[in-house]
């Protein structure tokens, strides 16, 4: 890979098609979300609509808040009442540096990657992006 190509590494080059992205439907209940969080050992889940388009994120913090505010009744509520709607996202064509800048500016640690129609393609963590950035800017060792 040339230096120019390394410096323009796109998010599509980092997406692992084998990696499971933890998602739930907008129609899921708080109780169902708790089960998935527990089973997947996740701290947050992406929320998608019927067409697989990203519509939000539900976190452990959101679930705790729902129960604290509404008691056991919240367990049967759909998550759309509690999920975060305004997410920062990137497209596969954006660069690692674009994504890191967005994460730093908005103090976020995970970034959904969506295509131009809003369909979820993957999820990247700040650690994955920092590792890619380090590889991009670390000179290759010469053998010999």
Protein backbone atom coordinates (compact mmCIF):
# COMPACT_ATOMS: atom_id res chain seq x y z
CA UNK A 1 0.00 0.00 0.00
CA UNK A 2 1.42 3.37 -0.96
CA UNK A 3 1.73 6.21 1.54
CA UNK A 4 -1.01 8.14 -0.26
CA UNK A 5 -3.32 5.13 -0.09
CA UNK A 6 -2.48 4.54 3.58
CA UNK A 7 -3.24 8.17 4.43
CA UNK A 8 -6.60 7.95 2.69
CA UNK A 9 -7.73 4.68 4.25
CA UNK A 10 -11.50 4.51 3.94
CA UNK A 11 -13.87 3.13 6.55
CA UNK A 12 -15.05 0.50 4.06
CA UNK A 13 -11.54 -0.97 4.29
CA UNK A 14 -11.95 -1.50 8.03
CA UNK A 15 -15.43 -2.97 8.12
CA UNK A 16 -15.29 -6.63 9.06
CA UNK A 17 -18.11 -8.41 7.27
CA UNK A 18 -17.72 -11.36 9.65
CA UNK A 19 -18.16 -9.25 12.78
CA UNK A 20 -21.56 -9.40 14.36
CA UNK A 21 -23.17 -6.01 14.86
CA UNK A 22 -25.61 -6.14 17.74
CA UNK A 23 -28.94 -4.72 16.62
CA UNK A 24 -32.52 -4.75 17.78
CA UNK A 25 -35.73 -3.70 16.11
CA UNK A 26 -37.53 -0.46 16.89
CA UNK A 27 -40.41 -2.66 18.01
CA UNK A 28 -38.33 -4.42 20.68
CA UNK A 29 -39.36 -3.95 24.28
CA UNK A 30 -37.10 -2.85 27.10
CA UNK A 31 -37.24 -6.41 28.45
CA UNK A 32 -36.07 -7.82 25.11
CA UNK A 33 -33.22 -5.30 25.01
CA UNK A 34 -32.10 -6.35 28.50
CA UNK A 35 -32.00 -9.98 27.32
CA UNK A 36 -29.89 -9.13 24.26
CA UNK A 37 -27.51 -6.90 26.25
CA UNK A 38 -27.02 -9.71 28.76
CA UNK A 39 -26.58 -12.44 26.12
CA UNK A 40 -24.18 -10.43 23.93
CA UNK A 41 -22.29 -8.78 26.82
CA UNK A 42 -22.97 -5.44 25.15
CA UNK A 43 -23.28 -1.99 26.68
CA UNK A 44 -25.38 -0.61 23.83
CA UNK A 45 -27.29 -1.85 20.81
CA UNK A 46 -28.01 -0.24 17.48
CA UNK A 47 -31.68 0.06 16.59
CA UNK A 48 -32.89 -0.55 13.04
CA UNK A 49 -36.24 -0.17 11.32
CA UNK A 50 -38.02 -2.86 9.30
CA UNK A 51 -35.82 -2.11 6.27
CA UNK A 52 -32.55 -2.42 8.20
CA UNK A 53 -31.97 1.32 8.29
CA UNK A 54 -30.34 2.73 11.39
CA UNK A 55 -32.85 4.60 13.53
CA UNK A 56 -31.15 4.93 16.91
CA UNK A 57 -29.16 3.45 19.74
CA UNK A 58 -30.24 2.05 23.10
CA UNK A 59 -27.73 1.80 25.92
CA UNK A 60 -27.62 0.28 29.38
CA UNK A 61 -27.93 3.82 30.69
CA UNK A 62 -31.15 4.34 28.69
CA UNK A 63 -32.60 1.10 30.07
CA UNK A 64 -31.73 1.99 33.67
CA UNK A 65 -33.32 5.42 33.19
CA UNK A 66 -36.49 3.87 31.77
CA UNK A 67 -36.86 1.56 34.76
CA UNK A 68 -35.95 4.27 37.29
CA UNK A 69 -38.59 6.59 35.82
CA UNK A 70 -41.36 4.06 35.11
CA UNK A 71 -40.72 0.98 37.25
CA UNK A 72 -41.55 -2.47 35.96
CA UNK A 73 -44.05 -1.03 33.46
CA UNK A 74 -41.07 0.08 31.37
CA UNK A 75 -40.15 -3.56 30.71
CA UNK A 76 -43.08 -3.83 28.31
CA UNK A 77 -42.59 -0.47 26.60
CA UNK A 78 -41.16 -0.28 23.09
CA UNK A 79 -37.64 1.07 23.10
CA UNK A 80 -38.41 3.95 20.77
CA UNK A 81 -39.51 5.95 23.83
CA UNK A 82 -36.05 5.63 25.40
CA UNK A 83 -33.49 5.25 22.60
CA UNK A 84 -31.12 7.94 21.39
CA UNK A 85 -32.34 9.18 18.02
CA UNK A 86 -29.73 11.70 16.92
CA UNK A 87 -26.67 9.61 16.11
CA UNK A 88 -23.46 10.65 14.47
CA UNK A 89 -22.66 8.32 11.58
CA UNK A 90 -20.13 7.97 8.80
CA UNK A 91 -20.32 6.52 5.32
CA UNK A 92 -17.95 3.84 4.01
CA UNK A 93 -16.18 6.37 1.77
CA UNK A 94 -15.10 8.61 4.64
CA UNK A 95 -11.54 8.33 5.90
CA UNK A 96 -10.20 7.12 9.22
CA UNK A 97 -9.13 10.69 9.97
CA UNK A 98 -12.66 11.99 9.23
CA UNK A 99 -14.12 9.46 11.65
CA UNK A 100 -11.61 10.20 14.41
CA UNK A 101 -12.25 13.93 14.07
CA UNK A 102 -16.01 13.36 14.38
CA UNK A 103 -15.53 11.16 17.44
CA UNK A 104 -13.23 13.68 19.12
CA UNK A 105 -15.50 16.63 18.35
CA UNK A 106 -18.57 14.91 19.79
CA UNK A 107 -16.94 12.75 22.48
CA UNK A 108 -18.27 9.47 21.14
CA UNK A 109 -16.58 6.05 21.27
CA UNK A 110 -18.53 4.05 18.68
CA UNK A 111 -19.52 5.05 15.19
CA UNK A 112 -22.13 3.39 13.00
CA UNK A 113 -21.26 3.21 9.31
CA UNK A 114 -24.23 3.55 6.96
CA UNK A 115 -24.61 3.64 3.21
CA UNK A 116 -26.15 6.64 1.45
CA UNK A 117 -29.66 5.26 1.97
CA UNK A 118 -29.12 4.92 5.72
CA UNK A 119 -28.75 1.13 5.73
CA UNK A 120 -26.44 -0.05 8.50
CA UNK A 121 -23.21 -1.51 7.17
CA UNK A 122 -21.18 -1.86 10.35
CA UNK A 123 -19.94 -0.36 13.56
CA UNK A 124 -16.43 0.88 14.40
CA UNK A 125 -14.95 1.57 17.81
CA UNK A 126 -12.49 4.30 18.64
CA UNK A 127 -9.90 1.59 19.38
CA UNK A 128 -10.27 0.11 15.88
CA UNK A 129 -9.89 3.55 14.32
CA UNK A 130 -6.89 4.47 16.47
CA UNK A 131 -5.20 1.18 15.56
CA UNK A 132 -5.76 1.86 11.86
CA UNK A 133 -4.45 5.41 12.27
CA UNK A 134 -1.33 4.11 14.00
CA UNK A 135 -0.70 1.59 11.19
CA UNK A 136 -1.18 4.36 8.62
CA UNK A 137 1.43 6.59 10.22
CA UNK A 138 4.01 4.07 11.40
CA UNK A 139 6.80 3.49 8.88
CA UNK A 140 7.15 -0.08 7.72
CA UNK A 141 10.25 -1.81 9.04
CA UNK A 142 12.79 -2.58 6.37
CA UNK A 143 14.11 -6.09 6.40
CA UNK A 144 17.77 -6.66 5.99
